Amino acid sequence: MREAAAVETSTPKPAVTPGPTIPAHELLGDLLMAQQRPAEALTAYRRSLELYPRRFNSVLGAARAARAVGDADTAAGLYRELLELATAGSRTWALDEARAFLDGRP
């Protein structure tokens, strides 16, 4: 997965080509979270956000990873960003999670 993320990052894309459906770094973060490796996942999500800023799933993943490593300040900032990104069609369970964390609920 790390190799796939590196290849995706190093492959130039013409300006008219859309981005990937799911960025490889985001997928890597998801995999690392499933493996209970949140510190590494946070790094992967941050890289995804460098390449694809304000991507809902990467922000959510990064917030969860930051929370899992005990970085409440980073998690709070990311959850706030998630709420800013929300639209009428956003997943309410993710927004409820963000609001609960920011309100100090588990």
PDB file of N, CA and C in Angstrom:
ATOM      1  N   MET A   1       0.825  -1.185   0.000  1.00  0.00           N
ATOM      2  CA  MET A   1       0.000   0.000   0.000  1.00  0.00           C
ATOM      3  C   MET A   1       0.871   1.251   0.000  1.00  0.00           C
ATOM      4  N   ARG A   2       1.970   1.214   0.757  1.00  0.00           N
ATOM      5  CA  ARG A   2       2.874   2.371   0.765  1.00  0.00           C
ATOM      6  C   ARG A   2       3.455   2.603  -0.630  1.00  0.00           C
ATOM      7  N   GLU A   3       3.783   1.520  -1.322  1.00  0.00           N
ATOM      8  CA  GLU A   3       4.321   1.633  -2.677  1.00  0.00           C
ATOM      9  C   GLU A   3       3.276   2.230  -3.616  1.00  0.00           C
ATOM     10  N   ALA A   4       2.036   1.819  -3.479  1.00  0.00           N
ATOM     11  CA  ALA A   4       0.964   2.367  -4.314  1.00  0.00           C
ATOM     12  C   ALA A   4       0.794   3.857  -4.065  1.00  0.00           C
ATOM     13  N   ALA A   5       0.890   4.269  -2.797  1.00  0.00           N
ATOM     14  CA  ALA A   5       0.774   5.686  -2.467  1.00  0.00           C
ATOM     15  C   ALA A   5       1.926   6.473  -3.069  1.00  0.00           C
ATOM     16  N   ALA A   6       3.129   5.913  -3.022  1.00  0.00           N
ATOM     17  CA  ALA A   6       4.294   6.588  -3.602  1.00  0.00           C
ATOM     18  C   ALA A   6       4.159   6.712  -5.111  1.00  0.00           C
ATOM     19  N   VAL A   7       3.681   5.663  -5.757  1.00  0.00           N
ATOM     20  CA  VAL A   7       3.497   5.700  -7.215  1.00  0.00           C
ATOM     21  C   VAL A   7       2.455   6.744  -7.582  1.00  0.00           C
ATOM     22  N   GLU A   8       1.341   6.770  -6.858  1.00  0.00           N
ATOM     23  CA  GLU A   8       0.294   7.749  -7.148  1.00  0.00           C
ATOM     24  C   GLU A   8       0.823   9.173  -7.009  1.00  0.00           C
ATOM     25  N   THR A   9       1.600   9.410  -5.964  1.00  0.00           N
ATOM     26  CA  THR A   9       2.146  10.738  -5.721  1.00  0.00           C
ATOM     27  C   THR A   9       3.135  11.149  -6.803  1.00  0.00           C
ATOM     28  N   SER A  10       3.916  10.200  -7.313  1.00  0.00           N
ATOM     29  CA  SER A  10       4.955  10.531  -8.287  1.00  0.00           C
ATOM     30  C   SER A  10       4.452  10.576  -9.725  1.00  0.00           C
ATOM     31  N   THR A  11       3.213  10.162  -9.955  1.00  0.00           N
ATOM     32  CA  THR A  11       2.677  10.135 -11.314  1.00  0.00           C
ATOM     33  C   THR A  11       2.079  11.497 -11.656  1.00  0.00           C
ATOM     34  N   PRO A  12       2.644  12.175 -12.669  1.00  0.00           N
ATOM     35  CA  PRO A  12       2.083  13.478 -13.035  1.00  0.00           C
ATOM     36  C   PRO A  12       0.704  13.302 -13.675  1.00  0.00           C
ATOM     37  N   LYS A  13      -0.170  14.244 -13.372  1.00  0.00           N
ATOM     38  CA  LYS A  13      -1.509  14.203 -13.938  1.00  0.00           C
ATOM     39  C   LYS A  13      -1.762  15.504 -14.696  1.00  0.00           C
ATOM     40  N   PRO A  14      -2.272  15.409 -15.921  1.00  0.00           N
ATOM     41  CA  PRO A  14      -2.639  16.630 -16.641  1.00  0.00           C
ATOM     42  C   PRO A  14      -3.709  17.403 -15.868  1.00  0.00           C
ATOM     43  N   ALA A  15      -3.755  18.687 -16.085  1.00  0.00           N
ATOM     44  CA  ALA A  15      -4.692  19.541 -15.353  1.00  0.00           C
ATOM     45  C   ALA A  15      -6.152  19.143 -15.576  1.00  0.00           C
ATOM     46  N   VAL A  16      -6.456  18.553 -16.705  1.00  0.00           N
ATOM     47  CA  VAL A  16      -7.848  18.194 -16.991  1.00  0.00           C
ATOM     48  C   VAL A  16      -8.230  16.814 -16.452  1.00  0.00           C
ATOM     49  N   THR A  17      -7.262  16.076 -15.920  1.00  0.00           N
ATOM     50  CA  THR A  17      -7.539  14.749 -15.371  1.00  0.00           C
ATOM     51  C   THR A  17      -8.041  14.894 -13.943  1.00  0.00           C
ATOM     52  N   PRO A  18      -9.180  14.279 -13.631  1.00  0.00           N
ATOM     53  CA  PRO A  18      -9.666  14.364 -12.252  1.00  0.00           C
ATOM     54  C   PRO A  18      -8.747  13.597 -11.301  1.00  0.00           C
ATOM     55  N   GLY A  19      -8.847  13.901 -10.030  1.00  0.00           N
ATOM     56  CA  GLY A  19      -8.064  13.199  -9.026  1.00  0.00           C
ATOM     57  C   GLY A  19      -8.577  11.778  -8.853  1.00  0.00           C
ATOM     58  N   PRO A  20      -7.893  11.001  -8.050  1.00  0.00           N
ATOM     59  CA  PRO A  20      -8.318   9.617  -7.822  1.00  0.00           C
ATOM     60  C   PRO A  20      -9.640   9.577  -7.066  1.00  0.00           C
ATOM     61  N   THR A  21     -10.379   8.506  -7.254  1.00  0.00           N
ATOM     62  CA  THR A  21     -11.642   8.344  -6.538  1.00  0.00           C
ATOM     63  C   THR A  21     -11.385   8.333  -5.037  1.00  0.00           C
ATOM     64  N   ILE A  22     -10.444   7.498  -4.627  1.00  0.00           N
ATOM     65  CA  ILE A  22      -9.990   7.481  -3.230  1.00  0.00           C
ATOM     66  C   ILE A  22      -8.471   7.529  -3.274  1.00  0.00           C
ATOM     67  N   PRO A  23      -7.872   8.605  -2.749  1.00  0.00           N
ATOM     68  CA  PRO A  23      -6.416   8.712  -2.782  1.00  0.00           C
ATOM     69  C   PRO A  23      -5.733   7.556  -2.055  1.00  0.00           C
ATOM     70  N   ALA A  24      -4.617   7.120  -2.594  1.00  0.00           N
ATOM     71  CA  ALA A  24      -3.883   5.983  -2.019  1.00  0.00           C
ATOM     72  C   ALA A  24      -3.436   6.261  -0.585  1.00  0.00           C
ATOM     73  N   HIS A  25      -3.048   7.487  -0.287  1.00  0.00           N
ATOM     74  CA  HIS A  25      -2.621   7.796   1.086  1.00  0.00           C
ATOM     75  C   HIS A  25      -3.799   7.690   2.059  1.00  0.00           C
ATOM     76  N   GLU A  26      -4.981   8.050   1.597  1.00  0.00           N
ATOM     77  CA  GLU A  26      -6.170   7.895   2.442  1.00  0.00           C
ATOM     78  C   GLU A  26      -6.451   6.411   2.687  1.00  0.00           C
ATOM     79  N   LEU A  27      -6.347   5.617   1.634  1.00  0.00           N
ATOM     80  CA  LEU A  27      -6.526   4.170   1.782  1.00  0.00           C
ATOM     81  C   LEU A  27      -5.482   3.578   2.733  1.00  0.00           C
ATOM     82  N   LEU A  28      -4.253   4.066   2.622  1.00  0.00           N
ATOM     83  CA  LEU A  28      -3.200   3.606   3.525  1.00  0.00           C
ATOM     84  C   LEU A  28      -3.560   3.958   4.971  1.00  0.00           C
ATOM     85  N   GLY A  29      -4.053   5.164   5.184  1.00  0.00           N
ATOM     86  CA  GLY A  29      -4.477   5.558   6.530  1.00  0.00           C
ATOM     87  C   GLY A  29      -5.577   4.657   7.052  1.00  0.00           C
ATOM     88  N   ASP A  30      -6.550   4.337   6.189  1.00  0.00           N
ATOM     89  CA  ASP A  30      -7.631   3.436   6.598  1.00  0.00           C
ATOM     90  C   ASP A  30      -7.080   2.059   6.981  1.00  0.00           C
ATOM     91  N   LEU A  31      -6.149   1.561   6.178  1.00  0.00           N
ATOM     92  CA  LEU A  31      -5.540   0.257   6.460  1.00  0.00           C
ATOM     93  C   LEU A  31      -4.793   0.284   7.792  1.00  0.00           C
ATOM     94  N   LEU A  32      -4.018   1.330   8.012  1.00  0.00           N
ATOM     95  CA  LEU A  32      -3.255   1.436   9.254  1.00  0.00           C
ATOM     96  C   LEU A  32      -4.167   1.570  10.467  1.00  0.00           C
ATOM     97  N   MET A  33      -5.286   2.268  10.317  1.00  0.00           N
ATOM     98  CA  MET A  33      -6.247   2.348  11.431  1.00  0.00           C
ATOM     99  C   MET A  33      -6.835   0.977  11.717  1.00  0.00           C
ATOM    100  N   ALA A  34      -7.142   0.223  10.678  1.00  0.00           N
ATOM    101  CA  ALA A  34      -7.681  -1.131  10.868  1.00  0.00           C
ATOM    102  C   ALA A  34      -6.662  -2.034  11.553  1.00  0.00           C
ATOM    103  N   GLN A  35      -5.380  -1.735  11.347  1.00  0.00           N
ATOM    104  CA  GLN A  35      -4.308  -2.500  11.983  1.00  0.00           C
ATOM    105  C   GLN A  35      -3.935  -1.933  13.355  1.00  0.00           C
ATOM    106  N   GLN A  36      -4.708  -0.971  13.832  1.00  0.00           N
ATOM    107  CA  GLN A  36      -4.487  -0.346  15.139  1.00  0.00           C
ATOM    108  C   GLN A  36      -3.133   0.359  15.211  1.00  0.00           C
ATOM    109  N   ARG A  37      -2.791   1.079  14.152  1.00  0.00           N
ATOM    110  CA  ARG A  37      -1.536   1.834  14.084  1.00  0.00           C
ATOM    111  C   ARG A  37      -1.861   3.304  13.788  1.00  0.00           C
ATOM    112  N   PRO A  38      -2.527   3.984  14.746  1.00  0.00           N
ATOM    113  CA  PRO A  38      -3.031   5.332  14.491  1.00  0.00           C
ATOM    114  C   PRO A  38      -1.961   6.394  14.229  1.00  0.00           C
ATOM    115  N   ALA A  39      -0.798   6.280  14.827  1.00  0.00           N
ATOM    116  CA  ALA A  39       0.245   7.288  14.590  1.00  0.00           C
ATOM    117  C   ALA A  39       0.675   7.265  13.120  1.00  0.00           C
ATOM    118  N   GLU A  40       0.864   6.073  12.584  1.00  0.00           N
ATOM    119  CA  GLU A  40       1.230   5.949  11.174  1.00  0.00           C
ATOM    120  C   GLU A  40       0.066   6.364  10.279  1.00  0.00           C
ATOM    121  N   ALA A  41      -1.151   6.041  10.714  1.00  0.00           N
ATOM    122  CA  ALA A  41      -2.334   6.425   9.947  1.00  0.00           C
ATOM    123  C   ALA A  41      -2.443   7.939   9.861  1.00  0.00           C
ATOM    124  N   LEU A  42      -2.182   8.625  10.958  1.00  0.00           N
ATOM    125  CA  LEU A  42      -2.257  10.086  10.969  1.00  0.00           C
ATOM    126  C   LEU A  42      -1.291  10.674   9.945  1.00  0.00           C
ATOM    127  N   THR A  43      -0.092  10.123   9.868  1.00  0.00           N
ATOM    128  CA  THR A  43       0.886  10.582   8.877  1.00  0.00           C
ATOM    129  C   THR A  43       0.340  10.385   7.465  1.00  0.00           C
ATOM    130  N   ALA A  44      -0.267   9.238   7.204  1.00  0.00           N
ATOM    131  CA  ALA A  44      -0.816   8.954   5.880  1.00  0.00           C
ATOM    132  C   ALA A  44      -1.969   9.905   5.548  1.00  0.00           C
ATOM    133  N   TYR A  45      -2.858  10.134   6.499  1.00  0.00           N
ATOM    134  CA  TYR A  45      -3.971  11.052   6.257  1.00  0.00           C
ATOM    135  C   TYR A  45      -3.471  12.481   6.024  1.00  0.00           C
ATOM    136  N   ARG A  46      -2.464  12.881   6.766  1.00  0.00           N
ATOM    137  CA  ARG A  46      -1.910  14.230   6.562  1.00  0.00           C
ATOM    138  C   ARG A  46      -1.327  14.370   5.156  1.00  0.00           C
ATOM    139  N   ARG A  47      -0.661  13.332   4.687  1.00  0.00           N
ATOM    140  CA  ARG A  47      -0.113  13.360   3.325  1.00  0.00           C
ATOM    141  C   ARG A  47      -1.249  13.436   2.301  1.00  0.00           C
ATOM    142  N   SER A  48      -2.307  12.693   2.536  1.00  0.00           N
ATOM    143  CA  SER A  48      -3.466  12.753   1.651  1.00  0.00           C
ATOM    144  C   SER A  48      -4.025  14.177   1.610  1.00  0.00           C
ATOM    145  N   LEU A  49      -4.089  14.812   2.772  1.00  0.00           N
ATOM    146  CA  LEU A  49      -4.629  16.176   2.830  1.00  0.00           C
ATOM    147  C   LEU A  49      -3.697  17.204   2.199  1.00  0.00           C
ATOM    148  N   GLU A  50      -2.402  16.929   2.193  1.00  0.00           N
ATOM    149  CA  GLU A  50      -1.470  17.816   1.476  1.00  0.00           C
ATOM    150  C   GLU A  50      -1.762  17.781  -0.017  1.00  0.00           C
ATOM    151  N   LEU A  51      -2.034  16.579  -0.514  1.00  0.00           N
ATOM    152  CA  LEU A  51      -2.278  16.400  -1.943  1.00  0.00           C
ATOM    153  C   LEU A  51      -3.705  16.758  -2.347  1.00  0.00           C
ATOM    154  N   TYR A  52      -4.646  16.492  -1.468  1.00  0.00           N
ATOM    155  CA  TYR A  52      -6.068  16.722  -1.748  1.00  0.00           C
ATOM    156  C   TYR A  52      -6.693  17.418  -0.540  1.00  0.00           C
ATOM    157  N   PRO A  53      -6.458  18.729  -0.390  1.00  0.00           N
ATOM    158  CA  PRO A  53      -6.919  19.466   0.796  1.00  0.00           C
ATOM    159  C   PRO A  53      -8.435  19.384   0.999  1.00  0.00           C
ATOM    160  N   ARG A  54      -8.802  19.384   2.265  1.00  0.00           N
ATOM    161  CA  ARG A  54     -10.200  19.468   2.689  1.00  0.00           C
ATOM    162  C   ARG A  54     -11.056  18.314   2.167  1.00  0.00           C
ATOM    163  N   ARG A  55     -10.463  17.164   2.007  1.00  0.00           N
ATOM    164  CA  ARG A  55     -11.197  15.973   1.580  1.00  0.00           C
ATOM    165  C   ARG A  55     -11.879  15.372   2.802  1.00  0.00           C
ATOM    166  N   PHE A  56     -13.189  15.253   2.765  1.00  0.00           N
ATOM    167  CA  PHE A  56     -13.999  14.859   3.914  1.00  0.00           C
ATOM    168  C   PHE A  56     -13.472  13.588   4.584  1.00  0.00           C
ATOM    169  N   ASN A  57     -13.282  12.521   3.821  1.00  0.00           N
ATOM    170  CA  ASN A  57     -12.865  11.247   4.417  1.00  0.00           C
ATOM    171  C   ASN A  57     -11.458  11.317   5.008  1.00  0.00           C
ATOM    172  N   SER A  58     -10.561  12.049   4.384  1.00  0.00           N
ATOM    173  CA  SER A  58      -9.206  12.185   4.935  1.00  0.00           C
ATOM    174  C   SER A  58      -9.230  12.998   6.227  1.00  0.00           C
ATOM    175  N   VAL A  59     -10.051  14.041   6.263  1.00  0.00           N
ATOM    176  CA  VAL A  59     -10.164  14.846   7.489  1.00  0.00           C
ATOM    177  C   VAL A  59     -10.756  13.997   8.612  1.00  0.00           C
ATOM    178  N   LEU A  60     -11.804  13.236   8.307  1.00  0.00           N
ATOM    179  CA  LEU A  60     -12.406  12.362   9.314  1.00  0.00           C
ATOM    180  C   LEU A  60     -11.401  11.323   9.803  1.00  0.00           C
ATOM    181  N   GLY A  61     -10.696  10.689   8.895  1.00  0.00           N
ATOM    182  CA  GLY A  61      -9.706   9.686   9.281  1.00  0.00           C
ATOM    183  C   GLY A  61      -8.597  10.282  10.138  1.00  0.00           C
ATOM    184  N   ALA A  62      -8.129  11.464   9.743  1.00  0.00           N
ATOM    185  CA  ALA A  62      -7.073  12.128  10.507  1.00  0.00           C
ATOM    186  C   ALA A  62      -7.559  12.491  11.909  1.00  0.00           C
ATOM    187  N   ALA A  63      -8.795  12.956  12.011  1.00  0.00           N
ATOM    188  CA  ALA A  63      -9.359  13.294  13.331  1.00  0.00           C
ATOM    189  C   ALA A  63      -9.416  12.054  14.212  1.00  0.00           C
ATOM    190  N   ARG A  64      -9.869  10.954  13.647  1.00  0.00           N
ATOM    191  CA  ARG A  64      -9.948   9.711  14.420  1.00  0.00           C
ATOM    192  C   ARG A  64      -8.557   9.217  14.824  1.00  0.00           C
ATOM    193  N   ALA A  65      -7.597   9.330  13.926  1.00  0.00           N
ATOM    194  CA  ALA A  65      -6.232   8.897  14.237  1.00  0.00           C
ATOM    195  C   ALA A  65      -5.634   9.778  15.332  1.00  0.00           C
ATOM    196  N   ALA A  66      -5.817  11.091  15.220  1.00  0.00           N
ATOM    197  CA  ALA A  66      -5.303  12.006  16.243  1.00  0.00           C
ATOM    198  C   ALA A  66      -5.934  11.702  17.597  1.00  0.00           C
ATOM    199  N   ARG A  67      -7.220  11.437  17.581  1.00  0.00           N
ATOM    200  CA  ARG A  67      -7.923  11.087  18.821  1.00  0.00           C
ATOM    201  C   ARG A  67      -7.352   9.793  19.411  1.00  0.00           C
ATOM    202  N   ALA A  68      -7.084   8.817  18.543  1.00  0.00           N
ATOM    203  CA  ALA A  68      -6.573   7.518  19.001  1.00  0.00           C
ATOM    204  C   ALA A  68      -5.180   7.619  19.610  1.00  0.00           C
ATOM    205  N   VAL A  69      -4.363   8.581  19.148  1.00  0.00           N
ATOM    206  CA  VAL A  69      -3.023   8.732  19.731  1.00  0.00           C
ATOM    207  C   VAL A  69      -3.026   9.697  20.914  1.00  0.00           C
ATOM    208  N   GLY A  70      -4.199  10.230  21.248  1.00  0.00           N
ATOM    209  CA  GLY A  70      -4.307  11.107  22.405  1.00  0.00           C
ATOM    210  C   GLY A  70      -3.997  12.561  22.137  1.00  0.00           C
ATOM    211  N   ASP A  71      -4.002  12.966  20.873  1.00  0.00           N
ATOM    212  CA  ASP A  71      -3.743  14.359  20.513  1.00  0.00           C
ATOM    213  C   ASP A  71      -5.081  15.080  20.359  1.00  0.00           C
ATOM    214  N   ALA A  72      -5.649  15.464  21.488  1.00  0.00           N
ATOM    215  CA  ALA A  72      -6.979  16.061  21.511  1.00  0.00           C
ATOM    216  C   ALA A  72      -7.036  17.387  20.761  1.00  0.00           C
ATOM    217  N   ASP A  73      -5.983  18.201  20.826  1.00  0.00           N
ATOM    218  CA  ASP A  73      -5.990  19.492  20.145  1.00  0.00           C
ATOM    219  C   ASP A  73      -6.066  19.318  18.628  1.00  0.00           C
ATOM    220  N   THR A  74      -5.251  18.404  18.097  1.00  0.00           N
ATOM    221  CA  THR A  74      -5.277  18.139  16.666  1.00  0.00           C
ATOM    222  C   THR A  74      -6.621  17.555  16.266  1.00  0.00           C
ATOM    223  N   ALA A  75      -7.121  16.613  17.055  1.00  0.00           N
ATOM    224  CA  ALA A  75      -8.415  16.004  16.758  1.00  0.00           C
ATOM    225  C   ALA A  75      -9.516  17.064  16.732  1.00  0.00           C
ATOM    226  N   ALA A  76      -9.507  17.963  17.706  1.00  0.00           N
ATOM    227  CA  ALA A  76     -10.529  19.015  17.761  1.00  0.00           C
ATOM    228  C   ALA A  76     -10.460  19.911  16.523  1.00  0.00           C
ATOM    229  N   GLY A  77      -9.255  20.297  16.125  1.00  0.00           N
ATOM    230  CA  GLY A  77      -9.111  21.130  14.933  1.00  0.00           C
ATOM    231  C   GLY A  77      -9.621  20.428  13.686  1.00  0.00           C
ATOM    232  N   LEU A  78      -9.338  19.147  13.581  1.00  0.00           N
ATOM    233  CA  LEU A  78      -9.790  18.386  12.418  1.00  0.00           C
ATOM    234  C   LEU A  78     -11.299  18.176  12.446  1.00  0.00           C
ATOM    235  N   TYR A  79     -11.866  17.918  13.608  1.00  0.00           N
ATOM    236  CA  TYR A  79     -13.318  17.774  13.701  1.00  0.00           C
ATOM    237  C   TYR A  79     -14.009  19.110  13.365  1.00  0.00           C
ATOM    238  N   ARG A  80     -13.422  20.228  13.778  1.00  0.00           N
ATOM    239  CA  ARG A  80     -13.985  21.539  13.407  1.00  0.00           C
ATOM    240  C   ARG A  80     -13.954  21.713  11.894  1.00  0.00           C
ATOM    241  N   GLU A  81     -12.832  21.337  11.290  1.00  0.00           N
ATOM    242  CA  GLU A  81     -12.728  21.429   9.833  1.00  0.00           C
ATOM    243  C   GLU A  81     -13.780  20.549   9.165  1.00  0.00           C
ATOM    244  N   LEU A  82     -14.007  19.368   9.706  1.00  0.00           N
ATOM    245  CA  LEU A  82     -15.010  18.462   9.156  1.00  0.00           C
ATOM    246  C   LEU A  82     -16.388  19.123   9.174  1.00  0.00           C
ATOM    247  N   LEU A  83     -16.723  19.785  10.284  1.00  0.00           N
ATOM    248  CA  LEU A  83     -18.018  20.469  10.378  1.00  0.00           C
ATOM    249  C   LEU A  83     -18.113  21.610   9.366  1.00  0.00           C
ATOM    250  N   GLU A  84     -16.995  22.289   9.106  1.00  0.00           N
ATOM    251  CA  GLU A  84     -16.985  23.356   8.094  1.00  0.00           C
ATOM    252  C   GLU A  84     -17.202  22.797   6.693  1.00  0.00           C
ATOM    253  N   LEU A  85     -16.709  21.591   6.450  1.00  0.00           N
ATOM    254  CA  LEU A  85     -16.834  20.967   5.137  1.00  0.00           C
ATOM    255  C   LEU A  85     -18.229  20.408   4.884  1.00  0.00           C
ATOM    256  N   ALA A  86     -18.983  20.217   5.927  1.00  0.00           N
ATOM    257  CA  ALA A  86     -20.273  19.540   5.823  1.00  0.00           C
ATOM    258  C   ALA A  86     -21.220  20.274   4.887  1.00  0.00           C
ATOM    259  N   THR A  87     -21.935  19.472   4.125  1.00  0.00           N
ATOM    260  CA  THR A  87     -22.990  19.983   3.253  1.00  0.00           C
ATOM    261  C   THR A  87     -24.269  19.240   3.609  1.00  0.00           C
ATOM    262  N   ALA A  88     -25.333  19.581   2.934  1.00  0.00           N
ATOM    263  CA  ALA A  88     -26.623  18.947   3.223  1.00  0.00           C
ATOM    264  C   ALA A  88     -26.561  17.434   3.043  1.00  0.00           C
ATOM    265  N   GLY A  89     -25.716  16.955   2.156  1.00  0.00           N
ATOM    266  CA  GLY A  89     -25.631  15.523   1.910  1.00  0.00           C
ATOM    267  C   GLY A  89     -24.579  14.801   2.738  1.00  0.00           C
ATOM    268  N   SER A  90     -23.915  15.498   3.647  1.00  0.00           N
ATOM    269  CA  SER A  90     -22.861  14.875   4.444  1.00  0.00           C
ATOM    270  C   SER A  90     -23.434  13.808   5.368  1.00  0.00           C
ATOM    271  N   ARG A  91     -22.592  12.851   5.663  1.00  0.00           N
ATOM    272  CA  ARG A  91     -23.004  11.765   6.553  1.00  0.00           C
ATOM    273  C   ARG A  91     -23.220  12.279   7.968  1.00  0.00           C
ATOM    274  N   THR A  92     -24.445  12.174   8.431  1.00  0.00           N
ATOM    275  CA  THR A  92     -24.779  12.736   9.738  1.00  0.00           C
ATOM    276  C   THR A  92     -24.049  12.037  10.871  1.00  0.00           C
ATOM    277  N   TRP A  93     -23.780  10.743  10.751  1.00  0.00           N
ATOM    278  CA  TRP A  93     -23.080  10.034  11.830  1.00  0.00           C
ATOM    279  C   TRP A  93     -21.675  10.598  12.019  1.00  0.00           C
ATOM    280  N   ALA A  94     -21.019  10.995  10.945  1.00  0.00           N
ATOM    281  CA  ALA A  94     -19.675  11.579  11.066  1.00  0.00           C
ATOM    282  C   ALA A  94     -19.757  12.952  11.715  1.00  0.00           C
ATOM    283  N   LEU A  95     -20.774  13.712  11.367  1.00  0.00           N
ATOM    284  CA  LEU A  95     -20.940  15.040  11.965  1.00  0.00           C
ATOM    285  C   LEU A  95     -21.335  14.923  13.437  1.00  0.00           C
ATOM    286  N   ASP A  96     -22.166  13.932  13.752  1.00  0.00           N
ATOM    287  CA  ASP A  96     -22.524  13.684  15.158  1.00  0.00           C
ATOM    288  C   ASP A  96     -21.279  13.318  15.968  1.00  0.00           C
ATOM    289  N   GLU A  97     -20.408  12.507  15.378  1.00  0.00           N
ATOM    290  CA  GLU A  97     -19.152  12.126  16.043  1.00  0.00           C
ATOM    291  C   GLU A  97     -18.308  13.368  16.327  1.00  0.00           C
ATOM    292  N   ALA A  98     -18.202  14.253  15.339  1.00  0.00           N
ATOM    293  CA  ALA A  98     -17.405  15.477  15.498  1.00  0.00           C
ATOM    294  C   ALA A  98     -17.998  16.365  16.588  1.00  0.00           C
ATOM    295  N   ARG A  99     -19.293  16.561  16.549  1.00  0.00           N
ATOM    296  CA  ARG A  99     -19.948  17.407  17.561  1.00  0.00           C
ATOM    297  C   ARG A  99     -19.799  16.828  18.965  1.00  0.00           C
ATOM    298  N   ALA A 100     -19.940  15.512  19.078  1.00  0.00           N
ATOM    299  CA  ALA A 100     -19.801  14.856  20.390  1.00  0.00           C
ATOM    300  C   ALA A 100     -18.400  15.054  20.949  1.00  0.00           C
ATOM    301  N   PHE A 101     -17.398  14.895  20.093  1.00  0.00           N
ATOM    302  CA  PHE A 101     -16.014  15.073  20.554  1.00  0.00           C
ATOM    303  C   PHE A 101     -15.799  16.518  21.007  1.00  0.00           C
ATOM    304  N   LEU A 102     -16.262  17.468  20.206  1.00  0.00           N
ATOM    305  CA  LEU A 102     -16.049  18.880  20.534  1.00  0.00           C
ATOM    306  C   LEU A 102     -16.852  19.305  21.769  1.00  0.00           C
ATOM    307  N   ASP A 103     -17.960  18.621  22.022  1.00  0.00           N
ATOM    308  CA  ASP A 103     -18.759  18.922  23.222  1.00  0.00           C
ATOM    309  C   ASP A 103     -18.240  18.206  24.462  1.00  0.00           C
ATOM    310  N   GLY A 104     -17.157  17.400  24.274  1.00  0.00           N
ATOM    311  CA  GLY A 104     -16.576  16.694  25.408  1.00  0.00           C
ATOM    312  C   GLY A 104     -17.250  15.402  25.773  1.00  0.00           C
ATOM    313  N   ARG A 105     -18.078  14.889  24.852  1.00  0.00           N
ATOM    314  CA  ARG A 105     -18.721  13.598  25.088  1.00  0.00           C
ATOM    315  C   ARG A 105     -17.880  12.510  24.442  1.00  0.00           C
ATOM    316  N   PRO A 106     -17.899  11.308  24.995  1.00  0.00           N
ATOM    317  CA  PRO A 106     -17.117  10.207  24.410  1.00  0.00           C
ATOM    318  C   PRO A 106     -17.590   9.781  23.044  1.00  0.00           C
TER     319      PRO A 106
END
